[in-house]
Amino acid sequence: MICDVAIIGAGLSGLSAARQLAAQGIQVVIVEKSQGVGGRAATRRIQLPDGTEQLVDHGAQFFTARDPLFQSQVSAWLSQGICFEWATGFHTWNGKSLNLPDPKWEAPRYACHGGMSTLGKNLSEGLQIVRNFTVTTVLVEDGEWVLHTDTATPMEPVRAKSLFCSAPVPQSLRLVGPHLLAAERECLEGITFGSCLAVMACYENLPSDLGWKGIQIRDDHSPLSWIALDSSRRDPNQRQGALVIHASPEFSSGETLSTPEGKEKAAAEMLREAGRILGEWAGRPRHAINHLWRYAIPLSEGMPEGYVRSESQVPLYLIGDGLQNGRVEGAWLSGFKAARDYLVRHG
């Protein structure tokens, strides 16, 4: 498979870059290790014991739009019914009491009735995506990038004149690090991430209005960082009771979470803490599952441009929210800006 530009990863940064490039007639192929798109803008369909399904956003919980470029994209999503304004602020827990949102942080927070994965599905429309393609080797042959995979089902390599890598920086370094200049590698090695263990908890007869939509945990002694009333984001006719509970990066680190048993034990502790904050009912869901996001929270500043353009001989860009200070907006902007730079230089 031969193309002008190959993009590793169908997260929001990779999809954003691909859309800008494809709109200008550039032949783009995205390779994605999973079946879905959107990265951490992810929605899980949970099969409940009674046979019903529950949609739950277990990655990115909402997004803001501060940059005019992204505001334009959000305006388009709003007009298409892709997203809506979910909240303007969130309650906080200080370790002793639940407090109202602080007016000084008031700003639109957007979500999607059909789940945050709707963003990736929208951006991916019309793009060529090779799914279940886990890149194992990245080579340069005859002035072209060659991406190989070792999947059980044979898949032909992808060859491209230029490469965008949107995997989290540590993973990107493992793939394309040998092709970077020493100074570029050293700079990127300073980009670090915190993990986040997410618990998706489903309840019976949970009201759709608890007086809050999200709670930011401001307690250094708590294992939690966030609690969302996920069902407040759903269509009123399809709501079921669900909370999404996120652990702090500190609680989400360590070898204990490297096994299913370790994650289950940590998730049980998170539910007990949710019960302490909200009431005993929160610690007793009828069904709960967990998911560990290893590269969830950028812990260091991004790059000035929001991406890295390598000075290697064959065009190479590294993109992603970790290079644009995190968040949904950061991911989209990183891909958009890198694609814009590419078009100026190679379009």
Protein backbone atom coordinates (compact mmCIF):
# COMPACT_ATOMS: atom_id res chain seq x y z
CA MET A 1 0.00 0.00 0.00
CA ILE A 2 1.53 3.29 -1.14
CA CYS A 3 0.43 6.81 -0.18
CA ASP A 4 1.67 10.38 0.17
CA VAL A 5 1.31 10.52 3.97
CA ALA A 6 0.96 7.71 6.49
CA ILE A 7 -0.37 8.51 9.96
CA ILE A 8 0.18 6.19 12.90
CA GLY A 9 -2.87 6.32 15.17
CA ALA A 10 -6.52 7.25 14.62
CA GLY A 11 -6.84 9.36 17.76
CA LEU A 12 -8.12 12.91 17.49
CA SER A 13 -4.72 14.38 16.56
CA GLY A 14 -4.17 11.86 13.78
CA LEU A 15 -7.70 12.30 12.46
CA SER A 16 -7.45 16.10 12.61
CA ALA A 17 -4.22 16.05 10.61
CA ALA A 18 -5.63 13.59 8.09
CA ARG A 19 -8.72 15.70 7.43
CA GLN A 20 -6.67 18.82 6.70
CA LEU A 21 -4.33 16.94 4.39
CA ALA A 22 -7.04 15.00 2.56
CA ALA A 23 -9.00 18.21 1.98
CA GLN A 24 -6.06 19.46 -0.08
CA GLY A 25 -5.84 16.34 -2.21
CA ILE A 26 -3.08 14.61 -0.27
CA GLN A 27 -3.40 10.81 -0.31
CA VAL A 28 -3.46 9.79 3.36
CA VAL A 29 -3.55 6.36 4.98
CA ILE A 30 -4.08 6.03 8.74
CA VAL A 31 -2.99 2.84 10.47
CA GLU A 32 -4.73 2.11 13.78
CA LYS A 33 -3.94 -0.73 16.17
CA SER A 34 -7.53 -1.15 17.35
CA GLN A 35 -10.91 -1.44 15.68
CA GLY A 36 -12.20 1.92 16.90
CA VAL A 37 -11.17 5.53 16.35
CA GLY A 38 -10.88 8.59 18.56
CA GLY A 39 -8.25 7.45 21.06
CA ARG A 40 -9.10 8.55 24.61
CA ALA A 41 -12.28 10.24 23.39
CA ALA A 42 -13.73 6.81 24.02
CA THR A 43 -17.17 5.39 24.79
CA ARG A 44 -17.76 1.90 26.17
CA ARG A 45 -20.93 -0.12 25.57
CA ILE A 46 -21.38 -2.01 28.81
CA GLN A 47 -23.49 -5.16 28.72
CA LEU A 48 -25.49 -5.21 31.95
CA PRO A 49 -26.65 -8.41 33.70
CA ASP A 50 -30.25 -7.82 32.61
CA GLY A 51 -29.23 -7.79 28.95
CA THR A 52 -29.45 -4.03 28.44
CA GLU A 53 -26.62 -1.77 27.29
CA GLN A 54 -25.17 1.30 28.97
CA LEU A 55 -23.11 3.90 27.10
CA VAL A 56 -20.28 5.29 29.26
CA ASP A 57 -17.50 7.75 28.44
CA HIS A 58 -14.51 6.32 30.28
CA GLY A 59 -11.71 8.43 28.78
CA ALA A 60 -12.06 12.13 27.97
CA GLN A 61 -15.08 13.40 29.90
CA PHE A 62 -15.75 16.70 28.15
CA PHE A 63 -13.92 19.35 26.18
CA THR A 64 -13.52 23.11 26.09
CA ALA A 65 -12.84 25.40 23.13
CA ARG A 66 -10.52 28.32 23.81
CA ASP A 67 -8.54 28.57 20.57
CA PRO A 68 -10.37 30.22 17.62
CA LEU A 69 -9.30 27.38 15.32
CA PHE A 70 -10.91 24.77 17.53
CA GLN A 71 -13.90 27.00 18.23
CA SER A 72 -14.64 26.87 14.51
CA GLN A 73 -14.60 23.06 14.60
CA VAL A 74 -16.84 22.97 17.68
CA SER A 75 -19.31 25.34 16.01
CA ALA A 76 -19.57 22.87 13.14
CA TRP A 77 -20.12 19.99 15.58
CA LEU A 78 -22.81 21.95 17.40
CA SER A 79 -24.65 22.73 14.17
CA GLN A 80 -24.55 19.04 13.20
CA GLY A 81 -25.81 17.93 16.61
CA ILE A 82 -22.55 16.08 17.30
CA CYS A 83 -22.05 17.76 20.68
CA PHE A 84 -23.85 20.05 23.12
CA GLU A 85 -23.00 22.27 26.06
CA TRP A 86 -23.06 19.92 29.02
CA ALA A 87 -21.94 22.19 31.87
CA THR A 88 -20.31 25.52 32.64
CA GLY A 89 -18.50 24.43 35.79
CA PHE A 90 -18.12 21.56 38.24
CA HIS A 91 -18.52 20.99 41.95
CA THR A 92 -15.43 20.35 44.05
CA TRP A 93 -14.73 18.04 46.98
CA ASN A 94 -12.16 19.36 49.47
CA GLY A 95 -11.97 16.26 51.63
CA LYS A 96 -14.76 17.35 53.95
CA SER A 97 -17.58 18.89 51.94
CA LEU A 98 -19.01 19.23 48.44
CA ASN A 99 -18.77 22.80 47.16
CA LEU A 100 -20.56 24.64 44.37
CA PRO A 101 -18.69 25.48 41.14
CA ASP A 102 -16.44 28.51 41.40
CA PRO A 103 -17.86 31.26 39.11
CA LYS A 104 -14.39 32.40 38.05
CA TRP A 105 -13.85 29.09 36.19
CA GLU A 106 -17.19 29.29 34.39
CA ALA A 107 -16.91 28.33 30.72
CA PRO A 108 -18.75 26.01 28.32
CA ARG A 109 -17.89 22.33 28.69
CA TYR A 110 -19.06 20.22 25.77
CA ALA A 111 -20.05 16.55 25.61
CA CYS A 112 -21.87 14.23 23.19
CA HIS A 113 -25.25 12.57 23.75
CA GLY A 114 -24.04 9.54 21.82
CA GLY A 115 -20.72 9.39 23.65
CA MET A 116 -17.36 11.07 23.16
CA SER A 117 -16.43 8.48 20.53
CA THR A 118 -18.81 10.41 18.25
CA LEU A 119 -16.02 12.97 17.73
CA GLY A 120 -13.65 10.40 16.26
CA LYS A 121 -16.38 8.86 14.13
CA ASN A 122 -17.21 12.27 12.69
CA LEU A 123 -13.60 13.19 11.93
CA SER A 124 -12.91 9.80 10.37
CA GLU A 125 -15.68 10.00 7.77
CA GLY A 126 -14.26 9.57 4.27
CA LEU A 127 -10.72 8.81 5.45
CA GLN A 128 -8.77 5.67 4.56
CA ILE A 129 -8.08 3.81 7.81
CA VAL A 130 -6.39 0.43 8.09
CA ARG A 131 -7.65 -0.98 11.38
CA ASN A 132 -6.09 -3.66 13.57
CA PHE A 133 -2.68 -2.64 12.19
CA THR A 134 -0.21 -2.52 15.08
CA VAL A 135 3.00 -0.94 13.83
CA THR A 136 5.98 -2.97 14.99
CA THR A 137 8.75 -1.66 12.76
CA VAL A 138 9.31 1.70 11.07
CA LEU A 139 11.99 1.76 8.37
CA VAL A 140 13.24 4.14 5.72
CA GLU A 141 13.83 2.48 2.36
CA ASP A 142 14.67 4.33 -0.87
CA GLY A 143 13.59 7.64 0.63
CA GLU A 144 10.21 6.35 1.81
CA TRP A 145 8.74 5.36 5.16
CA VAL A 146 7.78 1.70 5.45
CA LEU A 147 5.47 0.55 8.25
CA HIS A 148 5.38 -3.13 9.14
CA THR A 149 3.06 -5.10 11.40
CA ASP A 150 3.29 -8.64 12.74
CA THR A 151 -0.42 -9.40 13.03
CA ALA A 152 -1.52 -13.01 12.74
CA THR A 153 -3.32 -12.19 9.50
CA PRO A 154 -0.70 -11.09 6.94
CA MET A 155 -1.00 -7.40 6.05
CA GLU A 156 1.11 -5.67 3.45
CA PRO A 157 3.44 -2.89 4.64
CA VAL A 158 2.39 0.72 4.20
CA ARG A 159 4.82 2.89 2.24
CA ALA A 160 4.64 6.68 2.35
CA LYS A 161 6.64 9.73 1.34
CA SER A 162 5.93 11.37 4.71
CA LEU A 163 4.98 10.15 8.18
CA PHE A 164 2.91 11.56 11.05
CA CYS A 165 3.15 9.68 14.34
CA SER A 166 0.33 10.41 16.80
CA ALA A 167 0.99 7.69 19.38
CA PRO A 168 1.76 8.90 22.93
CA VAL A 169 5.31 10.26 23.00
CA PRO A 170 6.91 7.28 24.81
CA GLN A 171 5.41 4.92 22.24
CA SER A 172 6.33 7.22 19.36
CA LEU A 173 9.94 7.26 20.55
CA ARG A 174 10.05 3.48 20.48
CA LEU A 175 8.78 3.49 16.90
CA VAL A 176 10.57 6.43 15.27
CA GLY A 177 13.23 7.33 17.85
CA PRO A 178 16.08 5.87 15.76
CA HIS A 179 15.12 8.22 12.90
CA LEU A 180 15.22 11.40 15.04
CA LEU A 181 18.20 13.64 15.61
CA ALA A 182 19.80 13.26 19.04
CA ALA A 183 18.58 16.71 20.16
CA GLU A 184 15.02 15.87 19.08
CA ARG A 185 15.03 12.61 21.03
CA GLU A 186 16.39 14.33 24.11
CA CYS A 187 13.68 16.99 23.95
CA LEU A 188 10.89 14.44 23.52
CA GLU A 189 12.17 12.24 26.33
CA GLY A 190 11.24 15.11 28.66
CA ILE A 191 7.53 14.69 27.83
CA THR A 192 6.03 12.56 30.60
CA PHE A 193 2.53 11.26 31.30
CA GLY A 194 0.48 10.18 34.29
CA SER A 195 -1.81 7.16 34.17
CA CYS A 196 -5.50 7.10 35.06
CA LEU A 197 -7.53 4.15 36.28
CA ALA A 198 -11.18 4.64 35.29
CA VAL A 199 -14.09 2.85 36.93
CA MET A 200 -17.42 2.66 35.10
CA ALA A 201 -20.12 1.99 37.69
CA CYS A 202 -23.76 1.30 36.82
CA TYR A 203 -26.63 1.60 39.31
CA GLU A 204 -30.32 0.83 39.52
CA ASN A 205 -32.78 3.70 39.96
CA LEU A 206 -30.10 6.39 39.92
CA PRO A 207 -31.72 9.81 39.34
CA SER A 208 -30.60 11.68 36.25
CA ASP A 209 -30.16 14.81 38.39
CA LEU A 210 -28.14 14.59 41.59
CA GLY A 211 -27.61 18.35 41.80
CA TRP A 212 -24.22 18.07 40.10
CA LYS A 213 -22.80 16.74 36.83
CA GLY A 214 -19.13 16.42 37.68
CA ILE A 215 -17.02 16.66 40.82
CA GLN A 216 -13.34 17.59 40.82
CA ILE A 217 -11.56 16.09 43.81
CA ARG A 218 -9.31 18.59 45.61
CA ASP A 219 -8.13 16.28 48.37
CA ASP A 220 -4.49 15.16 48.35
CA HIS A 221 -5.37 12.18 50.54
CA SER A 222 -8.04 10.83 48.20
CA PRO A 223 -7.27 8.25 45.51
CA LEU A 224 -9.75 10.01 43.23
CA SER A 225 -9.46 12.98 40.90
CA TRP A 226 -12.91 13.07 39.27
CA ILE A 227 -16.47 11.74 39.49
CA ALA A 228 -18.99 12.27 36.68
CA LEU A 229 -22.70 11.59 36.48
CA ASP A 230 -22.26 10.05 33.06
CA SER A 231 -25.97 9.47 32.54
CA SER A 232 -26.55 13.26 32.63
CA ARG A 233 -24.91 13.36 29.18
CA ARG A 234 -27.27 10.89 27.56
CA ASP A 235 -30.52 11.34 25.69
CA PRO A 236 -33.31 11.72 28.29
CA ASN A 237 -35.16 8.78 26.75
CA GLN A 238 -32.13 6.49 27.00
CA ARG A 239 -30.65 7.39 30.36
CA GLN A 240 -29.57 4.76 32.81
CA GLY A 241 -27.68 5.36 36.01
CA ALA A 242 -23.90 5.46 35.62
CA LEU A 243 -20.95 7.14 37.30
CA VAL A 244 -17.46 7.44 35.84
CA ILE A 245 -14.78 7.62 38.53
CA HIS A 246 -11.19 8.56 37.73
CA ALA A 247 -8.21 7.92 39.99
CA SER A 248 -5.38 10.39 40.47
CA PRO A 249 -2.10 9.83 38.57
CA GLU A 250 -0.40 8.97 41.86
CA PHE A 251 -2.94 6.25 42.69
CA SER A 252 -2.90 4.99 39.09
CA SER A 253 0.85 4.38 39.03
CA GLY A 254 2.83 1.39 40.22
CA GLU A 255 3.24 -2.26 39.37
CA THR A 256 0.14 -3.26 41.35
CA LEU A 257 -2.02 -2.05 38.45
CA SER A 258 -0.17 -4.17 35.91
CA THR A 259 -2.42 -7.18 36.59
CA PRO A 260 -6.21 -7.61 36.39
CA GLU A 261 -6.24 -8.52 40.09
CA GLY A 262 -4.37 -5.35 41.00
CA LYS A 263 -6.75 -3.20 39.00
CA GLU A 264 -9.79 -4.88 40.57
CA LYS A 265 -8.43 -4.24 44.06
CA ALA A 266 -7.72 -0.59 43.22
CA ALA A 267 -11.17 -0.18 41.65
CA ALA A 268 -12.80 -1.51 44.83
CA GLU A 269 -10.92 1.09 46.85
CA MET A 270 -12.08 3.82 44.45
CA LEU A 271 -15.70 2.75 44.87
CA ARG A 272 -15.35 2.86 48.65
CA GLU A 273 -14.02 6.40 48.36
CA ALA A 274 -16.91 7.36 46.07
CA GLY A 275 -19.26 6.00 48.75
CA ARG A 276 -17.55 8.16 51.37
CA ILE A 277 -18.02 11.27 49.24
CA LEU A 278 -21.50 10.68 47.81
CA GLY A 279 -23.12 8.24 50.20
CA GLU A 280 -22.97 4.50 50.68
CA TRP A 281 -25.05 3.85 47.56
CA ALA A 282 -22.13 4.97 45.34
CA GLY A 283 -19.95 2.18 46.68
CA ARG A 284 -22.49 -0.51 45.74
CA PRO A 285 -23.07 -0.45 41.97
CA ARG A 286 -24.93 -3.33 40.36
CA HIS A 287 -22.15 -3.63 37.80
CA ALA A 288 -18.68 -2.09 37.46
CA ILE A 289 -15.71 -2.49 35.15
CA ASN A 290 -12.39 -0.68 34.97
CA HIS A 291 -9.89 0.48 32.37
CA LEU A 292 -6.34 1.78 32.81
CA TRP A 293 -5.23 4.64 30.58
CA ARG A 294 -1.42 4.50 30.70
CA TYR A 295 -0.79 7.82 28.94
CA ALA A 296 -3.76 9.84 30.12
CA ILE A 297 -2.41 13.07 31.58
CA PRO A 298 0.58 15.05 30.23
CA LEU A 299 2.70 16.02 33.24
CA SER A 300 5.08 18.33 31.38
CA GLU A 301 4.74 21.29 29.06
CA GLY A 302 4.23 20.59 25.39
CA MET A 303 6.13 21.98 22.44
CA PRO A 304 5.87 25.67 21.44
CA GLU A 305 4.24 24.79 18.11
CA GLY A 306 2.17 21.92 19.52
CA TYR A 307 3.99 19.33 17.40
CA VAL A 308 7.52 18.31 16.43
CA ARG A 309 8.75 18.47 12.85
CA SER A 310 11.91 16.41 12.61
CA GLU A 311 14.85 17.66 10.60
CA SER A 312 15.45 14.13 9.33
CA GLN A 313 15.77 13.74 5.58
CA VAL A 314 12.38 12.08 5.08
CA PRO A 315 9.45 14.24 6.33
CA LEU A 316 8.42 13.21 9.86
CA TYR A 317 5.99 14.87 12.30
CA LEU A 318 5.17 13.87 15.86
CA ILE A 319 1.76 15.02 17.04
CA GLY A 320 -0.63 14.43 19.94
CA ASP A 321 -2.22 16.06 22.95
CA GLY A 322 0.97 15.59 24.98
CA LEU A 323 2.71 18.05 22.67
CA GLN A 324 -0.10 20.61 22.97
CA ASN A 325 -0.59 20.54 26.77
CA GLY A 326 -3.26 17.86 26.79
CA ARG A 327 -7.05 17.79 26.41
CA VAL A 328 -9.31 17.12 23.44
CA GLU A 329 -8.67 20.61 22.14
CA GLY A 330 -4.91 20.08 22.38
CA ALA A 331 -5.07 16.84 20.41
CA TRP A 332 -7.11 18.40 17.61
CA LEU A 333 -4.90 21.50 17.46
CA SER A 334 -1.68 19.49 17.37
CA GLY A 335 -2.79 17.56 14.31
CA PHE A 336 -4.29 20.62 12.61
CA LYS A 337 -1.18 22.76 13.08
CA ALA A 338 1.21 20.04 11.95
CA ALA A 339 -0.85 19.41 8.82
CA ARG A 340 -0.93 23.12 8.08
CA ASP A 341 2.87 23.27 8.35
CA TYR A 342 3.21 20.23 6.09
CA LEU A 343 1.01 21.81 3.42
CA VAL A 344 3.08 24.96 3.42
CA ARG A 345 6.28 22.95 2.95
CA HIS A 346 5.15 20.04 0.80
CA GLY A 347 1.59 20.69 -0.40
